[in-house]
Amino acid sequence: MTKKIQNDNTEQLVGSIIEGIQELKGKSVVKIDLKEIKNTICDYFIICEGDSNVHVSAIADSVERFAFLQLKEKPRHIEGLENAHWVLLDFFGIVVHIFQSEYRNFYKLEDLWSDGKLVKIDD
């Protein structure tokens, strides 16, 4: 993961990612702003969940498609598609985490990064 490569369309990319999640009914979407925290790996975490491995994979595809179609942005790295319990998309300064709910509850990223500014996005 690459730390904080800020450009003019960061906020637009955050919006595009959230749209991609919402398009396929991703649940419990949270944006965590980490810009004010020293030594973080990125500026934003976007976290959501899907109901199954198929749903998680589909949400990941939707995020990738929305980012590319709207802003010509592609993730630098994608992990977790093999089993789709937890898929991570690294868009440089924005890292997207798409979980199945049991894995989200286990890892509790929102708690680990509670120093950030957490914003819940309406489903």
Protein backbone atom coordinates (compact mmCIF):
# COMPACT_ATOMS: atom_id res chain seq x y z
CA MET A 1 0.00 0.00 0.00
CA THR A 2 1.22 3.45 -0.87
CA LYS A 3 0.97 6.36 1.54
CA LYS A 4 -0.82 9.57 0.76
CA ILE A 5 -0.44 10.40 -2.89
CA GLN A 6 -2.81 13.32 -2.95
CA ASN A 7 -4.13 14.69 -6.18
CA ASP A 8 -6.94 16.96 -7.29
CA ASN A 9 -9.46 14.18 -7.73
CA THR A 10 -9.05 12.38 -4.38
CA GLU A 11 -12.45 13.50 -3.11
CA GLN A 12 -14.02 12.64 -6.47
CA LEU A 13 -12.45 9.19 -6.29
CA VAL A 14 -13.83 8.66 -2.78
CA GLY A 15 -17.28 9.57 -4.14
CA SER A 16 -16.89 7.27 -7.12
CA ILE A 17 -15.83 4.37 -4.89
CA ILE A 18 -18.84 4.89 -2.63
CA GLU A 19 -21.13 5.02 -5.68
CA GLY A 20 -19.69 1.72 -6.89
CA ILE A 21 -20.37 0.16 -3.50
CA GLN A 22 -23.92 1.51 -3.35
CA GLU A 23 -24.66 0.40 -6.91
CA LEU A 24 -24.46 -3.23 -5.77
CA LYS A 25 -26.04 -2.69 -2.36
CA GLY A 26 -22.88 -2.85 -0.25
CA LYS A 27 -23.86 -2.56 3.41
CA SER A 28 -22.70 -0.49 6.38
CA VAL A 29 -20.44 1.79 4.35
CA VAL A 30 -17.95 3.80 6.40
CA LYS A 31 -15.37 6.37 5.32
CA ILE A 32 -12.46 6.94 7.69
CA ASP A 33 -10.42 10.09 7.09
CA LEU A 34 -6.86 9.40 8.23
CA LYS A 35 -5.17 12.52 6.85
CA GLU A 36 -4.57 14.10 10.26
CA ILE A 37 -2.97 10.99 11.75
CA LYS A 38 0.79 10.65 11.51
CA ASN A 39 2.36 7.55 10.00
CA THR A 40 -0.78 6.19 8.38
CA ILE A 41 -0.60 4.14 5.22
CA CYS A 42 -3.19 6.17 3.33
CA ASP A 43 -5.54 9.17 3.54
CA TYR A 44 -8.82 7.25 3.56
CA PHE A 45 -10.21 3.85 4.36
CA ILE A 46 -13.56 2.99 2.79
CA ILE A 47 -15.09 -0.05 4.50
CA CYS A 48 -18.25 -1.97 3.65
CA GLU A 49 -19.64 -5.47 3.64
CA GLY A 50 -21.42 -7.90 1.37
CA ASP A 51 -23.56 -10.95 2.08
CA SER A 52 -21.44 -13.64 0.41
CA ASN A 53 -18.21 -14.19 -1.50
CA VAL A 54 -20.10 -13.58 -4.76
CA HIS A 55 -21.53 -10.31 -3.40
CA VAL A 56 -18.12 -9.15 -2.10
CA SER A 57 -16.49 -9.90 -5.47
CA ALA A 58 -19.27 -8.11 -7.33
CA ILE A 59 -18.91 -5.02 -5.13
CA ALA A 60 -15.15 -5.01 -5.78
CA ASP A 61 -15.78 -5.21 -9.54
CA SER A 62 -18.31 -2.38 -9.30
CA VAL A 63 -15.87 -0.14 -7.39
CA GLU A 64 -13.16 -0.82 -9.96
CA ARG A 65 -15.57 -0.14 -12.85
CA PHE A 66 -16.95 3.12 -11.38
CA ALA A 67 -13.47 4.48 -10.64
CA PHE A 68 -12.29 3.73 -14.15
CA LEU A 69 -15.38 4.92 -16.03
CA GLN A 70 -15.73 8.14 -14.05
CA LEU A 71 -12.11 9.11 -13.43
CA LYS A 72 -9.87 6.72 -15.41
CA GLU A 73 -8.43 5.48 -12.09
CA LYS A 74 -7.41 1.88 -11.50
CA PRO A 75 -6.41 0.25 -8.22
CA ARG A 76 -2.68 -0.23 -7.88
CA HIS A 77 -3.21 -3.51 -6.11
CA ILE A 78 -6.10 -5.89 -5.34
CA GLU A 79 -6.02 -8.68 -2.75
CA GLY A 80 -8.47 -11.29 -1.56
CA LEU A 81 -10.46 -12.14 -4.66
CA GLU A 82 -9.53 -15.83 -4.35
CA ASN A 83 -11.94 -16.47 -1.48
CA ALA A 84 -13.63 -13.03 -1.23
CA HIS A 85 -13.94 -13.05 2.55
CA TRP A 86 -12.09 -9.71 2.62
CA VAL A 87 -11.16 -7.91 -0.59
CA LEU A 88 -8.79 -4.95 -0.50
CA LEU A 89 -8.42 -2.44 -3.35
CA ASP A 90 -5.49 -0.02 -3.06
CA PHE A 91 -6.04 3.23 -4.93
CA PHE A 92 -2.81 4.77 -3.59
CA GLY A 93 -4.16 7.24 -1.00
CA ILE A 94 -7.48 5.42 -0.65
CA VAL A 95 -7.78 1.82 0.51
CA VAL A 96 -11.12 0.04 0.09
CA HIS A 97 -11.98 -2.91 2.35
CA ILE A 98 -14.94 -5.09 1.35
CA PHE A 99 -15.77 -7.76 3.92
CA GLN A 100 -18.21 -10.52 4.54
CA SER A 101 -19.83 -9.48 7.83
CA GLU A 102 -18.27 -12.20 10.02
CA TYR A 103 -14.77 -11.12 8.93
CA ARG A 104 -15.55 -7.45 9.40
CA ASN A 105 -16.76 -8.18 12.92
CA PHE A 106 -13.62 -10.19 13.63
CA TYR A 107 -11.06 -7.64 12.38
CA LYS A 108 -12.93 -4.50 13.56
CA LEU A 109 -10.95 -2.04 11.43
CA GLU A 110 -13.18 0.81 12.56
CA ASP A 111 -12.02 0.22 16.13
CA LEU A 112 -8.36 -0.11 15.13
CA TRP A 113 -8.49 3.21 13.27
CA SER A 114 -10.83 5.03 15.66
CA ASP A 115 -8.46 8.04 15.79
CA GLY A 116 -9.59 8.88 12.26
CA LYS A 117 -12.70 10.86 11.38
CA LEU A 118 -15.36 8.23 10.84
CA VAL A 119 -18.35 9.00 8.62
CA LYS A 120 -21.16 6.49 8.16
CA ILE A 121 -22.67 6.54 4.68
CA ASP A 122 -26.40 5.87 4.32
CA ASP A 123 -27.22 2.60 2.53
